[in-house]
Protein backbone atom coordinates (compact mmCIF):
# COMPACT_ATOMS: atom_id res chain seq x y z
CA MET A 1 121.95 173.95 -17.93
CA ALA A 2 120.23 171.18 -16.39
CA LYS A 3 117.85 171.49 -13.61
CA ASN A 4 119.74 169.87 -11.15
CA GLU A 5 122.93 172.38 -12.31
CA ILE A 6 120.45 175.24 -11.36
CA LEU A 7 119.37 173.82 -8.42
CA SER A 8 122.93 173.30 -6.97
CA GLU A 9 123.76 176.58 -8.22
CA ILE A 10 120.96 178.28 -6.45
CA LYS A 11 121.84 176.44 -3.20
CA LYS A 12 125.37 177.53 -3.63
CA ALA A 13 124.22 180.88 -3.99
CA GLU A 14 122.20 180.74 -1.04
CA GLU A 15 124.94 179.53 0.95
CA ASN A 16 127.12 182.05 -0.13
CA ALA A 17 124.54 184.67 0.69
CA ARG A 18 124.09 183.07 4.38
CA ASN A 19 127.66 183.18 5.30
CA ILE A 20 127.72 186.68 4.15
CA VAL A 21 125.11 187.73 5.99
CA ASP A 22 126.47 185.80 9.10
CA ASP A 23 129.78 187.07 8.63
CA ALA A 24 128.02 190.71 8.63
CA ALA A 25 126.07 189.59 11.48
CA LYS A 26 129.70 188.80 13.40
CA ASN A 27 131.15 191.56 12.10
CA LYS A 28 128.29 193.91 13.79
CA SER A 29 128.25 192.05 16.72
CA GLU A 30 132.44 192.73 17.12
CA ARG A 31 132.52 196.16 15.98
CA ILE A 32 129.60 196.85 18.71
CA THR A 33 131.13 195.33 21.47
CA ASP A 34 134.68 196.87 20.49
CA ALA A 35 132.53 200.59 20.52
CA ARG A 36 131.07 200.09 23.79
CA ALA A 37 134.64 198.68 25.02
CA GLU A 38 135.74 201.94 23.23
CA ALA A 39 133.01 203.98 24.93
CA ARG A 40 133.68 202.52 28.30
CA GLU A 41 137.45 203.56 28.23
CA ILE A 42 136.63 207.27 27.17
CA VAL A 43 134.42 207.51 30.14
CA LYS A 44 136.81 206.20 32.55
CA GLN A 45 139.38 208.75 30.85
CA ALA A 46 136.78 211.67 31.21
CA GLU A 47 136.00 210.91 35.08
CA ILE A 48 139.76 210.62 35.49
CA ASP A 49 140.37 213.88 33.27
CA ALA A 50 137.20 215.57 35.60
CA HIS A 51 138.56 214.37 38.95
CA GLU A 52 142.13 216.31 38.13
CA SER A 53 140.51 219.08 37.14
CA ALA A 54 138.37 219.44 40.20
CA LYS A 55 141.63 218.65 42.34
CA ARG A 56 143.23 221.57 40.39
CA SER A 57 140.31 223.96 40.58
CA LEU A 58 140.16 222.72 44.22
CA LYS A 59 143.82 223.57 44.92
CA SER A 60 143.37 226.95 42.95
CA ALA A 61 140.66 228.29 45.29
CA GLU A 62 142.20 227.05 48.38
CA ALA A 63 145.28 229.41 47.35
CA THR A 64 143.10 232.19 46.98
CA ILE A 65 141.46 231.68 50.03
CA LYS A 66 144.49 231.40 51.91
CA GLU A 67 145.91 234.73 50.02
CA GLU A 68 142.46 236.61 51.02
CA LYS A 69 142.67 235.40 54.73
CA LEU A 70 145.92 236.43 55.16
CA LYS A 71 145.24 239.65 53.61
CA ILE A 72 142.18 240.04 55.93
CA ILE A 73 144.33 239.08 58.98
CA ASP A 74 146.92 241.88 57.89
CA ASP A 75 144.08 244.65 57.41
CA SER A 76 142.42 243.63 61.01
CA GLU A 77 145.77 243.85 62.86
CA GLY A 78 146.23 247.11 61.45
CA ASP A 79 142.79 248.10 62.57
CA ALA A 80 143.32 246.58 65.87
CA LYS A 81 146.55 248.35 66.10
CA ALA A 82 144.71 251.79 64.99
CA ILE A 83 141.87 251.05 67.59
CA VAL A 84 144.54 250.34 70.44
CA GLU A 85 146.17 253.48 69.93
CA LYS A 86 143.08 255.62 69.89
CA ALA A 87 141.83 253.63 72.87
CA GLN A 88 145.10 254.41 74.41
CA ALA A 89 144.88 258.11 73.93
CA ASN A 90 141.45 258.29 75.03
CA VAL A 91 142.57 256.38 78.24
CA ASP A 92 145.47 259.09 78.71
CA ARG A 93 143.12 261.90 77.97
CA ALA A 94 140.33 260.47 80.81
CA GLY A 95 143.10 260.22 83.53
CA ASP A 96 143.86 263.79 82.66
CA HIS A 97 140.85 264.83 82.97
CA LEU A 98 140.24 263.18 86.02
CA ILE A 99 142.85 264.24 87.36
CA SER A 100 142.42 268.01 86.49
CA GLU A 101 138.35 267.28 87.77
CA PHE A 102 139.94 265.96 90.98
CA GLU A 103 142.12 268.96 91.53
CA ARG A 104 139.69 271.26 90.71
CA ALA A 105 137.39 269.71 93.20
CA ILE A 106 140.49 269.58 96.05
CA HIS A 107 140.95 273.42 95.34
CA ALA A 108 137.08 274.16 95.24
């Protein structure tokens, strides 16, 4: 092979290698861009999922609190009725006691 042919083949090989490297760099850049876009979408979806999960948890907690509140109110109403009944019995006994003390004082 002549010197010119060898140089020409070397230049072609160098150009071919340069094209391969350029294509690889372009491909790498495109893949990185695509990966970043995909990562943004994944993060966005994760935020949406987390928000929805938090809403469900909050709703569940609110329902639990409401049930406990109603139970406490029901229990308190029962306790209040028992206290009122006991107080009424004490009022009746106190009234009876006052009357008997008054009658004793009158008859004394």
